[in-house]
Amino acid sequence: MHHHEDSERLASFADVLAGELPGTWSSTHHPTDHKDDLTELADRIWDLDLVAESLAQHPLRQAAVLSRPDGAQLVVLDRHDEGDGFLIAAVAPRDLPDEAYRSVREPNGIAVSDDPFLGAEQVAGDLLARYDTALAQVRHNALDDVMPSQPDRVVLTWQPDGSLAAAPADERAAAVLVANSFVQDQQTGIYRLSGDDTTEQARAVRETGRRLHTHGIDTALQHPPGRIAPTATAPAMPPVPAASRAAASRTR
């Protein structure tokens, strides 16, 4: 089969599959020339079984991503072993801490035939249920790593990768965080500030504290219960530690 025909076959299958799954799903096809998208996607495929084995033998050259409004995603891949069907796997959420995945069983993918209607039944009855369970678990774990805020106090929680996370209690605090380089994770609602540049991070935290104070909101730096806080080295008001950049390895 020619590459163009193969690409159209995958995209067409994914389009029909998206329309047959429960809920609302959209389909996006990533052909061979979407190299950056495919590289990022391959790293997020949430599988340690059938699909992982296939990717180890056949690098990702095209894929279709099915997306649900709540952030859930599935990926459809060519099947390279015997048969003319496809592989379908869960996609891990972006920007969750590695610790959120610990003790969560991978929602390993499945092989389906080239019948999208039958494939939708298999996905809905098996993979999707396991994926939704795992997704709920990692999102809950991620929230456990962020200390709660109150209307008059925003808590910035250190993360293992050196970033800071916050769950503001109202829109005033959220607006201040966004104005100072915090980025909201649409899947969890958590606001995160990168720790890649500790000097810029310290500046952003100081400015965040200053602006929150004008609204009568205090700022506090915390680390999750049972975790060791980064070593404090940065200026006070508020103090900003220079956190270790050694990220924990994600088990997926």
Protein backbone atom coordinates (compact mmCIF):
# COMPACT_ATOMS: atom_id res chain seq x y z
CA MET A 1 0.00 0.00 0.00
CA HIS A 2 1.32 3.43 -0.89
CA HIS A 3 2.16 5.79 1.96
CA HIS A 4 -0.53 8.29 0.86
CA GLU A 5 -3.19 5.56 0.85
CA ASP A 6 -1.97 4.30 4.23
CA SER A 7 -2.19 7.81 5.68
CA GLU A 8 -5.72 8.33 4.36
CA ARG A 9 -6.76 4.94 5.73
CA LEU A 10 -5.59 5.83 9.24
CA ALA A 11 -7.14 9.31 9.20
CA SER A 12 -10.45 7.98 7.88
CA PHE A 13 -10.61 5.22 10.48
CA ALA A 14 -9.88 7.69 13.30
CA ASP A 15 -12.52 10.16 12.09
CA VAL A 16 -15.25 7.50 12.12
CA LEU A 17 -14.03 6.08 15.43
CA ALA A 18 -14.22 9.51 17.08
CA GLY A 19 -17.84 9.84 16.05
CA GLU A 20 -18.76 6.43 17.46
CA LEU A 21 -17.17 6.73 20.91
CA PRO A 22 -19.35 7.77 23.85
CA GLY A 23 -19.17 11.48 24.55
CA THR A 24 -17.72 14.12 22.25
CA TRP A 25 -14.40 13.39 20.54
CA SER A 26 -12.48 15.15 17.78
CA SER A 27 -9.78 13.62 15.59
CA THR A 28 -6.47 15.16 14.51
CA HIS A 29 -4.20 13.41 12.03
CA HIS A 30 -0.43 13.80 12.33
CA PRO A 31 1.31 12.74 9.10
CA THR A 32 5.01 12.03 8.75
CA ASP A 33 6.03 15.67 8.38
CA HIS A 34 4.59 16.54 11.83
CA LYS A 35 7.87 15.41 13.37
CA ASP A 36 7.78 17.51 16.54
CA ASP A 37 4.18 16.53 17.30
CA LEU A 38 4.95 12.85 16.74
CA THR A 39 8.04 12.97 18.95
CA GLU A 40 6.10 14.56 21.80
CA LEU A 41 3.21 12.18 21.30
CA ALA A 42 5.42 9.08 21.38
CA ASP A 43 6.74 10.17 24.79
CA ARG A 44 3.20 10.52 26.18
CA ILE A 45 1.74 7.22 24.99
CA TRP A 46 0.63 5.55 28.22
CA ASP A 47 1.47 1.92 27.65
CA LEU A 48 3.97 -0.68 28.80
CA ASP A 49 2.63 -3.63 26.84
CA LEU A 50 1.43 -4.13 23.27
CA VAL A 51 1.79 -0.57 21.99
CA ALA A 52 5.12 0.03 23.74
CA GLU A 53 6.50 -3.13 22.14
CA SER A 54 5.30 -2.01 18.71
CA LEU A 55 6.86 1.45 19.11
CA ALA A 56 10.16 -0.11 20.17
CA GLN A 57 10.29 -1.94 16.84
CA HIS A 58 8.60 0.65 14.60
CA PRO A 59 9.25 4.36 15.30
CA LEU A 60 6.15 6.54 15.11
CA ARG A 61 5.73 7.82 11.55
CA GLN A 62 2.09 8.90 11.65
CA ALA A 63 -0.76 8.88 14.15
CA ALA A 64 -4.24 10.19 14.81
CA VAL A 65 -5.11 11.73 18.16
CA LEU A 66 -8.66 11.60 19.49
CA SER A 67 -9.39 14.36 22.02
CA ARG A 68 -12.24 14.83 24.48
CA PRO A 69 -13.14 18.29 25.89
CA ASP A 70 -12.00 17.31 29.40
CA GLY A 71 -8.46 16.73 28.14
CA ALA A 72 -8.58 12.96 27.69
CA GLN A 73 -6.77 11.74 24.56
CA LEU A 74 -6.41 8.47 22.70
CA VAL A 75 -3.97 7.73 19.90
CA VAL A 76 -4.57 5.53 16.86
CA LEU A 77 -1.52 3.90 15.29
CA ASP A 78 -0.79 1.60 12.39
CA ARG A 79 -0.55 -2.05 13.32
CA HIS A 80 2.70 -3.54 12.02
CA ASP A 81 2.20 -7.15 13.03
CA GLU A 82 -0.12 -9.60 11.33
CA GLY A 83 -3.52 -8.21 10.47
CA ASP A 84 -4.80 -5.02 8.85
CA GLY A 85 -6.12 -3.32 11.95
CA PHE A 86 -4.85 -0.58 14.24
CA LEU A 87 -3.47 -0.06 17.71
CA ILE A 88 -5.26 2.30 20.08
CA ALA A 89 -3.65 3.59 23.26
CA ALA A 90 -4.22 6.15 25.99
CA VAL A 91 -2.20 9.38 26.04
CA ALA A 92 -0.86 10.63 29.37
CA PRO A 93 -1.76 14.20 30.41
CA ARG A 94 0.79 16.97 29.94
CA ASP A 95 2.46 18.81 32.81
CA LEU A 96 1.56 16.54 35.71
CA PRO A 97 4.37 15.75 38.18
CA ASP A 98 6.05 12.38 37.79
CA GLU A 99 4.95 11.41 41.29
CA ALA A 100 1.31 11.56 40.20
CA TYR A 101 1.87 8.42 38.09
CA ARG A 102 3.33 6.28 40.86
CA SER A 103 1.18 3.33 41.92
CA VAL A 104 -1.16 3.98 38.98
CA ARG A 105 -1.50 1.05 36.62
CA GLU A 106 -0.95 1.88 32.96
CA PRO A 107 -4.14 1.72 30.84
CA ASN A 108 -2.37 -0.39 28.22
CA GLY A 109 -3.65 -0.16 24.66
CA ILE A 110 -5.50 -2.66 22.51
CA ALA A 111 -5.41 -3.97 18.95
CA VAL A 112 -8.55 -3.59 16.84
CA SER A 113 -9.62 -4.56 13.35
CA ASP A 114 -10.09 -2.04 10.56
CA ASP A 115 -13.83 -1.85 11.35
CA PRO A 116 -14.23 1.47 13.25
CA PHE A 117 -17.69 0.55 14.55
CA LEU A 118 -16.45 -2.64 16.14
CA GLY A 119 -13.33 -0.79 17.28
CA ALA A 120 -15.46 1.81 19.06
CA GLU A 121 -17.24 -0.95 20.96
CA GLN A 122 -13.91 -2.44 22.04
CA VAL A 123 -12.53 0.92 23.12
CA ALA A 124 -15.67 1.90 25.04
CA GLY A 125 -15.98 -1.47 26.74
CA ASP A 126 -12.33 -1.92 27.71
CA LEU A 127 -9.65 0.71 27.11
CA LEU A 128 -11.75 3.79 27.82
CA ALA A 129 -12.94 2.50 31.18
CA ARG A 130 -9.38 1.69 32.28
CA TYR A 131 -8.10 5.01 30.95
CA ASP A 132 -10.74 7.06 32.76
CA THR A 133 -9.89 5.27 36.01
CA ALA A 134 -6.14 5.86 35.62
CA LEU A 135 -6.72 9.47 34.53
CA ALA A 136 -8.81 10.19 37.62
CA GLN A 137 -6.12 8.66 39.83
CA VAL A 138 -3.20 10.70 38.44
CA ARG A 139 -5.19 13.92 38.52
CA HIS A 140 -6.12 13.25 42.14
CA ASN A 141 -2.48 12.48 42.95
CA ALA A 142 -1.42 15.74 41.31
CA LEU A 143 -3.84 17.70 43.47
CA ASP A 144 -2.42 16.00 46.55
CA ASP A 145 0.93 17.61 45.73
CA VAL A 146 -0.51 21.13 45.88
CA MET A 147 -1.35 22.69 49.24
CA PRO A 148 -4.81 24.36 49.24
CA SER A 149 -5.15 28.14 49.17
CA GLN A 150 -7.72 30.34 50.91
CA PRO A 151 -9.36 33.58 49.76
CA ASP A 152 -6.90 35.62 51.85
CA ARG A 153 -3.84 33.41 51.37
CA VAL A 154 -2.24 31.86 48.26
CA VAL A 155 -0.01 28.87 48.91
CA LEU A 156 2.79 28.18 46.42
CA THR A 157 3.84 24.53 46.66
CA TRP A 158 7.30 23.37 45.59
CA GLN A 159 7.31 20.52 43.09
CA PRO A 160 10.07 17.89 42.70
CA ASP A 161 11.18 19.43 39.39
CA GLY A 162 11.76 22.83 41.00
CA SER A 163 8.57 24.42 39.71
CA LEU A 164 5.91 26.01 41.92
CA ALA A 165 2.21 25.14 41.86
CA ALA A 166 -0.84 26.88 43.26
CA ALA A 167 -4.59 26.38 43.40
CA PRO A 168 -5.93 29.92 43.97
CA ALA A 169 -9.27 30.30 45.69
CA ASP A 170 -10.64 33.16 43.58
CA GLU A 171 -10.29 34.95 40.24
CA ARG A 172 -8.31 37.89 41.68
CA ALA A 173 -5.49 35.62 42.81
CA ALA A 174 -5.64 33.61 39.59
CA ALA A 175 -5.27 36.78 37.51
CA VAL A 176 -2.19 37.82 39.49
CA LEU A 177 -0.60 34.40 38.99
CA VAL A 178 -1.19 34.49 35.22
CA ALA A 179 0.23 38.03 35.02
CA ASN A 180 3.44 36.70 36.59
CA SER A 181 4.17 33.75 34.31
CA PHE A 182 2.13 31.06 36.06
CA VAL A 183 0.45 28.81 33.49
CA GLN A 184 -2.84 27.08 34.19
CA ASP A 185 -3.15 23.37 33.52
CA GLN A 186 -6.57 23.11 31.88
CA GLN A 187 -6.99 19.52 33.07
CA THR A 188 -6.50 20.16 36.80
CA GLY A 189 -6.95 23.91 37.17
CA ILE A 190 -3.55 24.13 38.87
CA TYR A 191 -1.29 27.11 38.11
CA ARG A 192 2.41 26.32 37.65
CA LEU A 193 5.54 28.47 37.51
CA SER A 194 8.56 26.90 35.82
CA GLY A 195 11.79 26.56 37.77
CA ASP A 196 14.07 26.34 34.73
CA ASP A 197 15.43 29.83 35.42
CA THR A 198 15.67 30.33 39.19
CA THR A 199 16.47 34.05 38.87
CA GLU A 200 13.34 34.66 36.81
CA GLN A 201 11.36 32.40 39.11
CA ALA A 202 12.47 34.43 42.16
CA ARG A 203 11.51 37.68 40.42
CA ALA A 204 8.08 36.30 39.48
CA VAL A 205 7.40 35.10 43.03
CA ARG A 206 8.40 38.45 44.57
CA GLU A 207 6.18 40.34 42.13
CA THR A 208 3.34 37.87 42.72
CA GLY A 209 3.59 38.44 46.46
CA ARG A 210 3.64 42.22 46.00
CA ARG A 211 0.57 42.26 43.76
CA LEU A 212 -1.38 39.83 45.92
CA HIS A 213 -0.64 42.03 48.95
CA THR A 214 -2.37 44.97 47.25
CA HIS A 215 -5.52 42.79 47.23
CA GLY A 216 -5.12 41.93 50.89
CA ILE A 217 -3.94 38.41 50.05
CA ASP A 218 -0.94 36.87 51.78
CA THR A 219 1.56 34.53 50.08
CA ALA A 220 3.17 31.40 51.52
CA LEU A 221 5.73 28.93 50.19
CA GLN A 222 5.23 25.29 51.18
CA HIS A 223 6.35 21.81 50.21
CA PRO A 224 4.00 18.80 50.05
CA PRO A 225 3.63 16.80 53.30
CA GLY A 226 6.39 14.23 53.65
CA ARG A 227 8.63 15.98 51.11
CA ILE A 228 11.91 17.79 51.75
CA ALA A 229 11.82 21.45 50.77
CA PRO A 230 14.50 22.74 48.38
CA THR A 231 17.51 24.46 49.94
CA ALA A 232 16.85 28.16 50.47
CA THR A 233 19.32 30.36 48.63
CA ALA A 234 17.32 33.15 47.02
CA PRO A 235 16.41 36.61 48.40
CA ALA A 236 13.73 36.99 51.04
CA MET A 237 10.29 38.67 50.79
CA PRO A 238 9.25 36.03 49.93
CA PRO A 239 12.18 33.57 50.00
CA VAL A 240 12.69 31.56 46.84
CA PRO A 241 14.79 28.40 47.10
CA ALA A 242 16.91 27.23 44.18
CA ALA A 243 15.42 23.81 43.71
CA SER A 244 17.18 20.74 42.42
CA ARG A 245 16.63 20.07 38.73
CA ALA A 246 16.76 16.29 39.12
CA ALA A 247 13.29 15.23 38.05
CA ALA A 248 11.97 11.94 39.26
CA SER A 249 11.54 9.34 36.57
CA ARG A 250 7.97 8.70 35.58
CA THR A 251 6.74 5.18 35.70
CA ARG A 252 4.44 4.66 32.76
